[in-house]
Amino acid sequence: MPPLRPPPRSTRTYRFLAAFVRPALQAMSARSWTGAEHLPTDRGFLVATNHTTNLDPVTMCHFLWDNGFAPRIMAKHTLFKVPVLRRVLAGLEVIPVHRGAATGARSLDAAAEALERGECVLVFPEGTLTTDPDLWPMRAKTGTARLALETGAPVIPVVQWGVHQVMAPRGSLLRVVPRKTIQVLAGPPLQVEDLRGTPEAVHDVTARLVARLTDQVAQLRGENPPDGLWDPEAGTRVPR
């Protein structure tokens, strides 16, 4: 495995973890990564991804790091309550995501500032692990759409599949034998300009994003997605 030059905006914690975690990931799984040409190199951008396991942030960071980016991750603020993890998240400059109008706005402001500086911001639009019984993307929050519409930053849908074979959904144990293949697919930027300024722009962009994530996951899985979209509050599929 050839050494990589650390991305220009990587922190000391990022570089330290990459030195140990990247070789471990290479040893425990094979990679099938496509679409990296869609990642912008001249401006800040959002990476929106599906969320099936607790290992997903590591997988996404691995993919982005190997393609020259040290992403600013948006993660639930409750993770910062874990003492050791809190120090790691701070070292990675993770952006805590709070619920509520005032605190939520501060989270979006921090992400917008990172985008303005030309950074890559990694977001999980669903806000938590999918509860879809078949692990398809479920109904998403509107934060990603708000950031895209307010900042003009491109949204790159990047999906993964196969991580759930290494770590079970909502599990914590690694299953590395036999060796699994992790697939990652980055797609073209999401088109949002035609929706800017329309009454339901935030919700329409969110729906468009979930549709793109679902289509890309279907491509990796080689399956047709279900007709409905999983609604975590209703606990059932609803029309798209």
C-alpha atoms as a PDB file:
ATOM      1  CA  MET A   1       0.000   0.000   0.000  1.00  0.00           C
ATOM      2  CA  PRO A   2       1.768   3.190  -1.099  1.00  0.00           C
ATOM      3  CA  PRO A   3       1.989   6.052   1.387  1.00  0.00           C
ATOM      4  CA  LEU A   4      -0.261   9.001   0.688  1.00  0.00           C
ATOM      5  CA  ARG A   5       0.532  12.641   1.117  1.00  0.00           C
ATOM      6  CA  PRO A   6      -1.863  13.955   3.790  1.00  0.00           C
ATOM      7  CA  PRO A   7      -4.616  16.227   2.475  1.00  0.00           C
ATOM      8  CA  PRO A   8      -3.756  19.919   2.894  1.00  0.00           C
ATOM      9  CA  ARG A   9      -6.429  20.619   5.544  1.00  0.00           C
ATOM     10  CA  SER A  10      -5.789  17.519   7.647  1.00  0.00           C
ATOM     11  CA  THR A  11      -5.241  17.972  11.382  1.00  0.00           C
ATOM     12  CA  ARG A  12      -2.610  16.233  13.489  1.00  0.00           C
ATOM     13  CA  THR A  13      -5.295  13.877  14.836  1.00  0.00           C
ATOM     14  CA  TYR A  14      -6.411  13.046  11.305  1.00  0.00           C
ATOM     15  CA  ARG A  15      -2.858  12.226  10.248  1.00  0.00           C
ATOM     16  CA  PHE A  16      -2.220  10.150  13.380  1.00  0.00           C
ATOM     17  CA  LEU A  17      -5.403   8.094  12.932  1.00  0.00           C
ATOM     18  CA  ALA A  18      -4.854   7.654   9.198  1.00  0.00           C
ATOM     19  CA  ALA A  19      -1.413   6.184   9.836  1.00  0.00           C
ATOM     20  CA  PHE A  20      -2.961   3.340  11.849  1.00  0.00           C
ATOM     21  CA  VAL A  21      -6.568   3.021  10.689  1.00  0.00           C
ATOM     22  CA  ARG A  22      -5.968   3.106   6.929  1.00  0.00           C
ATOM     23  CA  PRO A  23      -3.650   0.038   6.900  1.00  0.00           C
ATOM     24  CA  ALA A  24      -6.103  -1.821   9.160  1.00  0.00           C
ATOM     25  CA  LEU A  25      -8.988  -1.081   6.820  1.00  0.00           C
ATOM     26  CA  GLN A  26      -6.928  -2.191   3.850  1.00  0.00           C
ATOM     27  CA  ALA A  27      -6.149  -5.475   5.610  1.00  0.00           C
ATOM     28  CA  MET A  28      -9.701  -6.289   6.688  1.00  0.00           C
ATOM     29  CA  SER A  29     -11.552  -5.411   3.470  1.00  0.00           C
ATOM     30  CA  ALA A  30     -11.179  -5.027  -0.266  1.00  0.00           C
ATOM     31  CA  ARG A  31     -12.234  -1.799  -2.012  1.00  0.00           C
ATOM     32  CA  SER A  32     -14.370  -1.099  -5.028  1.00  0.00           C
ATOM     33  CA  TRP A  33     -14.386   2.697  -5.287  1.00  0.00           C
ATOM     34  CA  THR A  34     -15.722   4.624  -8.261  1.00  0.00           C
ATOM     35  CA  GLY A  35     -16.724   8.161  -9.160  1.00  0.00           C
ATOM     36  CA  ALA A  36     -13.951  10.082  -7.407  1.00  0.00           C
ATOM     37  CA  GLU A  37     -13.702  12.329 -10.470  1.00  0.00           C
ATOM     38  CA  HIS A  38     -16.920  14.002  -9.286  1.00  0.00           C
ATOM     39  CA  LEU A  39     -15.236  15.389  -6.149  1.00  0.00           C
ATOM     40  CA  PRO A  40     -14.495  19.121  -6.707  1.00  0.00           C
ATOM     41  CA  THR A  41     -10.933  20.290  -6.228  1.00  0.00           C
ATOM     42  CA  ASP A  42     -11.458  24.037  -6.586  1.00  0.00           C
ATOM     43  CA  ARG A  43     -14.095  24.839  -3.939  1.00  0.00           C
ATOM     44  CA  GLY A  44     -15.787  23.653  -0.789  1.00  0.00           C
ATOM     45  CA  PHE A  45     -18.427  20.973  -1.204  1.00  0.00           C
ATOM     46  CA  LEU A  46     -20.835  18.749   0.676  1.00  0.00           C
ATOM     47  CA  VAL A  47     -20.611  14.969   0.611  1.00  0.00           C
ATOM     48  CA  ALA A  48     -24.002  13.430   1.414  1.00  0.00           C
ATOM     49  CA  THR A  49     -24.039   9.713   2.154  1.00  0.00           C
ATOM     50  CA  ASN A  50     -26.295   6.896   3.312  1.00  0.00           C
ATOM     51  CA  HIS A  51     -25.982   5.531   6.831  1.00  0.00           C
ATOM     52  CA  THR A  52     -26.248   1.813   7.625  1.00  0.00           C
ATOM     53  CA  THR A  53     -23.649   1.154  10.356  1.00  0.00           C
ATOM     54  CA  ASN A  54     -21.516   2.889  12.951  1.00  0.00           C
ATOM     55  CA  LEU A  55     -18.498   2.205  10.746  1.00  0.00           C
ATOM     56  CA  ASP A  56     -19.799   4.392   7.894  1.00  0.00           C
ATOM     57  CA  PRO A  57     -17.932   7.578   8.942  1.00  0.00           C
ATOM     58  CA  VAL A  58     -14.657   5.638   8.928  1.00  0.00           C
ATOM     59  CA  THR A  59     -15.384   4.208   5.480  1.00  0.00           C
ATOM     60  CA  MET A  60     -16.284   7.618   4.057  1.00  0.00           C
ATOM     61  CA  CYS A  61     -13.221   9.262   5.580  1.00  0.00           C
ATOM     62  CA  HIS A  62     -11.051   6.483   4.134  1.00  0.00           C
ATOM     63  CA  PHE A  63     -12.489   7.077   0.662  1.00  0.00           C
ATOM     64  CA  LEU A  64     -12.162  10.851   0.895  1.00  0.00           C
ATOM     65  CA  TRP A  65      -8.696  10.789   2.482  1.00  0.00           C
ATOM     66  CA  ASP A  66      -7.344   8.555  -0.278  1.00  0.00           C
ATOM     67  CA  ASN A  67      -8.732  11.058  -2.792  1.00  0.00           C
ATOM     68  CA  GLY A  68      -7.115  14.076  -1.158  1.00  0.00           C
ATOM     69  CA  PHE A  69      -9.703  15.326   1.335  1.00  0.00           C
ATOM     70  CA  ALA A  70      -9.880  15.418   5.139  1.00  0.00           C
ATOM     71  CA  PRO A  71     -13.617  15.948   5.613  1.00  0.00           C
ATOM     72  CA  ARG A  72     -15.257  17.965   8.352  1.00  0.00           C
ATOM     73  CA  ILE A  73     -17.846  15.511   9.635  1.00  0.00           C
ATOM     74  CA  MET A  74     -21.244  16.633  10.898  1.00  0.00           C
ATOM     75  CA  ALA A  75     -22.193  14.304  13.772  1.00  0.00           C
ATOM     76  CA  LYS A  76     -24.750  14.150  16.565  1.00  0.00           C
ATOM     77  CA  HIS A  77     -23.738  16.301  19.529  1.00  0.00           C
ATOM     78  CA  THR A  78     -24.423  13.409  21.907  1.00  0.00           C
ATOM     79  CA  LEU A  79     -21.223  11.732  20.716  1.00  0.00           C
ATOM     80  CA  PHE A  80     -19.277  14.538  22.386  1.00  0.00           C
ATOM     81  CA  LYS A  81     -20.562  13.329  25.770  1.00  0.00           C
ATOM     82  CA  VAL A  82     -18.330  10.234  25.570  1.00  0.00           C
ATOM     83  CA  PRO A  83     -15.077  11.316  27.323  1.00  0.00           C
ATOM     84  CA  VAL A  84     -12.398   9.681  25.132  1.00  0.00           C
ATOM     85  CA  LEU A  85     -14.383  10.014  21.927  1.00  0.00           C
ATOM     86  CA  ARG A  86     -14.929  13.709  22.645  1.00  0.00           C
ATOM     87  CA  ARG A  87     -11.188  14.385  22.417  1.00  0.00           C
ATOM     88  CA  VAL A  88     -10.900  12.474  19.148  1.00  0.00           C
ATOM     89  CA  LEU A  89     -13.866  14.316  17.619  1.00  0.00           C
ATOM     90  CA  ALA A  90     -12.416  17.642  18.675  1.00  0.00           C
ATOM     91  CA  GLY A  91      -9.082  16.713  17.102  1.00  0.00           C
ATOM     92  CA  LEU A  92     -10.865  15.866  13.861  1.00  0.00           C
ATOM     93  CA  GLU A  93     -12.742  19.180  14.062  1.00  0.00           C
ATOM     94  CA  VAL A  94     -16.075  17.378  13.864  1.00  0.00           C
ATOM     95  CA  ILE A  95     -19.049  19.738  13.710  1.00  0.00           C
ATOM     96  CA  PRO A  96     -21.609  18.826  16.411  1.00  0.00           C
ATOM     97  CA  VAL A  97     -25.179  18.748  15.158  1.00  0.00           C
ATOM     98  CA  HIS A  98     -27.766  19.941  17.674  1.00  0.00           C
ATOM     99  CA  ARG A  99     -31.506  19.676  17.464  1.00  0.00           C
ATOM    100  CA  GLY A 100     -33.644  22.777  17.902  1.00  0.00           C
ATOM    101  CA  ALA A 101     -33.881  26.061  16.044  1.00  0.00           C
ATOM    102  CA  ALA A 102     -31.116  28.093  17.699  1.00  0.00           C
ATOM    103  CA  THR A 103     -28.555  25.335  18.303  1.00  0.00           C
ATOM    104  CA  GLY A 104     -29.305  23.736  14.940  1.00  0.00           C
ATOM    105  CA  ALA A 105     -28.642  27.033  13.197  1.00  0.00           C
ATOM    106  CA  ARG A 106     -25.221  27.240  14.860  1.00  0.00           C
ATOM    107  CA  SER A 107     -24.354  23.805  13.475  1.00  0.00           C
ATOM    108  CA  LEU A 108     -25.293  24.909   9.953  1.00  0.00           C
ATOM    109  CA  ASP A 109     -23.334  28.146  10.397  1.00  0.00           C
ATOM    110  CA  ALA A 110     -20.200  26.201  11.334  1.00  0.00           C
ATOM    111  CA  ALA A 111     -20.611  23.977   8.285  1.00  0.00           C
ATOM    112  CA  ALA A 112     -21.208  26.982   6.039  1.00  0.00           C
ATOM    113  CA  GLU A 113     -18.002  28.610   7.289  1.00  0.00           C
ATOM    114  CA  ALA A 114     -16.048  25.431   6.517  1.00  0.00           C
ATOM    115  CA  LEU A 115     -17.506  25.351   3.000  1.00  0.00           C
ATOM    116  CA  GLU A 116     -16.573  28.998   2.509  1.00  0.00           C
ATOM    117  CA  ARG A 117     -12.965  28.112   3.409  1.00  0.00           C
ATOM    118  CA  GLY A 118     -12.982  25.497   0.655  1.00  0.00           C
ATOM    119  CA  GLU A 119     -13.328  22.427   2.870  1.00  0.00           C
ATOM    120  CA  CYS A 120     -15.160  19.168   2.296  1.00  0.00           C
ATOM    121  CA  VAL A 121     -18.068  18.690   4.724  1.00  0.00           C
ATOM    122  CA  LEU A 122     -19.389  15.162   5.254  1.00  0.00           C
ATOM    123  CA  VAL A 123     -23.048  14.898   6.219  1.00  0.00           C
ATOM    124  CA  PHE A 124     -25.464  12.031   6.844  1.00  0.00           C
ATOM    125  CA  PRO A 125     -28.794  13.486   5.661  1.00  0.00           C
ATOM    126  CA  GLU A 126     -30.870  10.855   7.477  1.00  0.00           C
ATOM    127  CA  GLY A 127     -29.469  12.136  10.771  1.00  0.00           C
ATOM    128  CA  THR A 128     -29.031   8.636  12.188  1.00  0.00           C
ATOM    129  CA  LEU A 129     -28.683   5.000  11.125  1.00  0.00           C
ATOM    130  CA  THR A 130     -31.404   3.980   8.727  1.00  0.00           C
ATOM    131  CA  THR A 131     -34.228   2.007  10.285  1.00  0.00           C
ATOM    132  CA  ASP A 132     -35.357   0.696   6.904  1.00  0.00           C
ATOM    133  CA  PRO A 133     -35.595  -3.111   7.355  1.00  0.00           C
ATOM    134  CA  ASP A 134     -33.658  -3.656   4.123  1.00  0.00           C
ATOM    135  CA  LEU A 135     -31.100  -0.890   4.755  1.00  0.00           C
ATOM    136  CA  TRP A 136     -32.294   1.478   2.010  1.00  0.00           C
ATOM    137  CA  PRO A 137     -31.949   5.228   2.621  1.00  0.00           C
ATOM    138  CA  MET A 138     -34.895   6.529   4.621  1.00  0.00           C
ATOM    139  CA  ARG A 139     -36.566   9.912   4.916  1.00  0.00           C
ATOM    140  CA  ALA A 140     -33.929  12.598   5.477  1.00  0.00           C
ATOM    141  CA  LYS A 141     -33.626  15.791   7.491  1.00  0.00           C
ATOM    142  CA  THR A 142     -33.528  19.118   5.662  1.00  0.00           C
ATOM    143  CA  GLY A 143     -30.135  20.381   6.897  1.00  0.00           C
ATOM    144  CA  THR A 144     -28.190  19.318   3.810  1.00  0.00           C
ATOM    145  CA  ALA A 145     -30.672  21.045   1.518  1.00  0.00           C
ATOM    146  CA  ARG A 146     -30.546  24.222   3.601  1.00  0.00           C
ATOM    147  CA  LEU A 147     -26.758  24.297   3.403  1.00  0.00           C
ATOM    148  CA  ALA A 148     -26.779  23.735  -0.347  1.00  0.00           C
ATOM    149  CA  LEU A 149     -29.365  26.439  -1.003  1.00  0.00           C
ATOM    150  CA  GLU A 150     -27.816  28.985   1.367  1.00  0.00           C
ATOM    151  CA  THR A 151     -24.163  28.527   0.387  1.00  0.00           C
ATOM    152  CA  GLY A 152     -24.349  27.422  -3.236  1.00  0.00           C
ATOM    153  CA  ALA A 153     -21.868  24.646  -2.422  1.00  0.00           C
ATOM    154  CA  PRO A 154     -22.143  21.536  -4.608  1.00  0.00           C
ATOM    155  CA  VAL A 155     -23.698  18.441  -3.060  1.00  0.00           C
ATOM    156  CA  ILE A 156     -21.961  15.219  -4.101  1.00  0.00           C
ATOM    157  CA  PRO A 157     -23.996  12.077  -3.353  1.00  0.00           C
ATOM    158  CA  VAL A 158     -21.550   9.370  -2.250  1.00  0.00           C
ATOM    159  CA  VAL A 159     -22.952   6.010  -1.181  1.00  0.00           C
ATOM    160  CA  GLN A 160     -21.461   2.895   0.342  1.00  0.00           C
ATOM    161  CA  TRP A 161     -22.534  -0.735   0.439  1.00  0.00           C
ATOM    162  CA  GLY A 162     -20.973  -3.757   2.108  1.00  0.00           C
ATOM    163  CA  VAL A 163     -19.941  -2.098   5.356  1.00  0.00           C
ATOM    164  CA  HIS A 164     -22.855  -3.843   7.086  1.00  0.00           C
ATOM    165  CA  GLN A 165     -21.070  -7.139   6.389  1.00  0.00           C
ATOM    166  CA  VAL A 166     -18.054  -5.916   8.366  1.00  0.00           C
ATOM    167  CA  MET A 167     -20.088  -4.397  11.199  1.00  0.00           C
ATOM    168  CA  ALA A 168     -23.734  -5.265  11.729  1.00  0.00           C
ATOM    169  CA  PRO A 169     -26.246  -2.389  11.681  1.00  0.00           C
ATOM    170  CA  ARG A 170     -26.346  -0.909  15.193  1.00  0.00           C
ATOM    171  CA  GLY A 171     -23.628  -3.386  16.168  1.00  0.00           C
ATOM    172  CA  SER A 172     -20.086  -2.764  17.388  1.00  0.00           C
ATOM    173  CA  LEU A 173     -18.159  -5.963  16.632  1.00  0.00           C
ATOM    174  CA  LEU A 174     -16.028  -6.312  13.517  1.00  0.00           C
ATOM    175  CA  ARG A 175     -16.475  -9.359  11.281  1.00  0.00           C
ATOM    176  CA  VAL A 176     -13.334  -9.470   9.170  1.00  0.00           C
ATOM    177  CA  VAL A 177     -13.279 -13.151   8.157  1.00  0.00           C
ATOM    178  CA  PRO A 178     -13.874 -13.856   5.365  1.00  0.00           C
ATOM    179  CA  ARG A 179     -12.561 -10.625   3.861  1.00  0.00           C
ATOM    180  CA  LYS A 180     -15.384  -8.387   2.608  1.00  0.00           C
ATOM    181  CA  THR A 181     -15.545  -5.939  -0.292  1.00  0.00           C
ATOM    182  CA  ILE A 182     -16.619  -2.378   0.495  1.00  0.00           C
ATOM    183  CA  GLN A 183     -18.188  -0.513  -2.406  1.00  0.00           C
ATOM    184  CA  VAL A 184     -18.248   3.288  -2.610  1.00  0.00           C
ATOM    185  CA  LEU A 185     -19.820   5.225  -5.466  1.00  0.00           C
ATOM    186  CA  ALA A 186     -19.608   9.003  -5.882  1.00  0.00           C
ATOM    187  CA  GLY A 187     -22.102  10.514  -8.279  1.00  0.00           C
ATOM    188  CA  PRO A 188     -22.339  13.823 -10.163  1.00  0.00           C
ATOM    189  CA  PRO A 189     -23.342  16.936  -8.189  1.00  0.00           C
ATOM    190  CA  LEU A 190     -26.986  17.165  -7.246  1.00  0.00           C
ATOM    191  CA  GLN A 191     -28.874  19.740  -9.329  1.00  0.00           C
ATOM    192  CA  VAL A 192     -30.597  22.297  -7.089  1.00  0.00           C
ATOM    193  CA  GLU A 193     -30.548  25.577  -9.023  1.00  0.00           C
ATOM    194  CA  ASP A 194     -33.920  24.941 -10.684  1.00  0.00           C
ATOM    195  CA  LEU A 195     -35.492  24.710  -7.211  1.00  0.00           C
ATOM    196  CA  ARG A 196     -33.844  27.777  -5.654  1.00  0.00           C
ATOM    197  CA  GLY A 197     -36.412  30.360  -4.615  1.00  0.00           C
ATOM    198  CA  THR A 198     -39.418  28.069  -4.969  1.00  0.00           C
ATOM    199  CA  PRO A 199     -41.816  27.738  -1.996  1.00  0.00           C
ATOM    200  CA  GLU A 200     -40.906  24.137  -1.184  1.00  0.00           C
ATOM    201  CA  ALA A 201     -37.254  24.318  -2.206  1.00  0.00           C
ATOM    202  CA  VAL A 202     -35.826  22.827   1.010  1.00  0.00           C
ATOM    203  CA  HIS A 203     -38.168  19.846   0.960  1.00  0.00           C
ATOM    204  CA  ASP A 204     -37.876  19.320  -2.796  1.00  0.00           C
ATOM    205  CA  VAL A 205     -34.067  19.348  -2.668  1.00  0.00           C
ATOM    206  CA  THR A 206     -34.188  16.888   0.242  1.00  0.00           C
ATOM    207  CA  ALA A 207     -36.483  14.557  -1.710  1.00  0.00           C
ATOM    208  CA  ARG A 208     -34.252  14.805  -4.769  1.00  0.00           C
ATOM    209  CA  LEU A 209     -31.185  13.995  -2.667  1.00  0.00           C
ATOM    210  CA  VAL A 210     -32.761  10.914  -1.097  1.00  0.00           C
ATOM    211  CA  ALA A 211     -33.840   9.734  -4.548  1.00  0.00           C
ATOM    212  CA  ARG A 212     -30.246  10.075  -5.830  1.00  0.00           C
ATOM    213  CA  LEU A 213     -28.810   8.260  -2.825  1.00  0.00           C
ATOM    214  CA  THR A 214     -31.361   5.479  -3.275  1.00  0.00           C
ATOM    215  CA  ASP A 215     -30.631   5.131  -6.981  1.00  0.00           C
ATOM    216  CA  GLN A 216     -26.887   4.931  -6.360  1.00  0.00           C
ATOM    217  CA  VAL A 217     -27.326   2.354  -3.585  1.00  0.00           C
ATOM    218  CA  ALA A 218     -29.507   0.340  -5.972  1.00  0.00           C
ATOM    219  CA  GLN A 219     -26.692   0.490  -8.521  1.00  0.00           C
ATOM    220  CA  LEU A 220     -24.212  -0.941  -6.015  1.00  0.00           C
ATOM    221  CA  ARG A 221     -26.651  -3.585  -4.814  1.00  0.00           C
ATOM    222  CA  GLY A 222     -27.736  -4.557  -8.315  1.00  0.00           C
ATOM    223  CA  GLU A 223     -31.347  -4.391  -7.181  1.00  0.00           C
ATOM    224  CA  ASN A 224     -34.439  -2.293  -7.760  1.00  0.00           C
ATOM    225  CA  PRO A 225     -35.275  -0.048  -4.796  1.00  0.00           C
ATOM    226  CA  PRO A 226     -38.636  -0.394  -3.047  1.00  0.00           C
ATOM    227  CA  ASP A 227     -41.547   1.703  -4.280  1.00  0.00           C
ATOM    228  CA  GLY A 228     -41.956   3.545  -0.981  1.00  0.00           C
ATOM    229  CA  LEU A 229     -39.604   5.514   1.279  1.00  0.00           C
ATOM    230  CA  TRP A 230     -39.195   4.391   4.867  1.00  0.00           C
ATOM    231  CA  ASP A 231     -40.666   6.851   7.351  1.00  0.00           C
ATOM    232  CA  PRO A 232     -38.966   6.274  10.738  1.00  0.00           C
ATOM    233  CA  GLU A 233     -41.749   7.999  12.650  1.00  0.00           C
ATOM    234  CA  ALA A 234     -44.531   5.984  11.032  1.00  0.00           C
ATOM    235  CA  GLY A 235     -42.472   2.789  10.988  1.00  0.00           C
ATOM    236  CA  THR A 236     -43.562   1.970   7.461  1.00  0.00           C
ATOM    237  CA  ARG A 237     -42.950   2.865   3.830  1.00  0.00           C
ATOM    238  CA  VAL A 238     -44.736   5.901   2.469  1.00  0.00           C
ATOM    239  CA  PRO A 239     -45.099   7.097  -1.151  1.00  0.00           C
ATOM    240  CA  ARG A 240     -42.089   9.024  -2.404  1.00  0.00           C
END
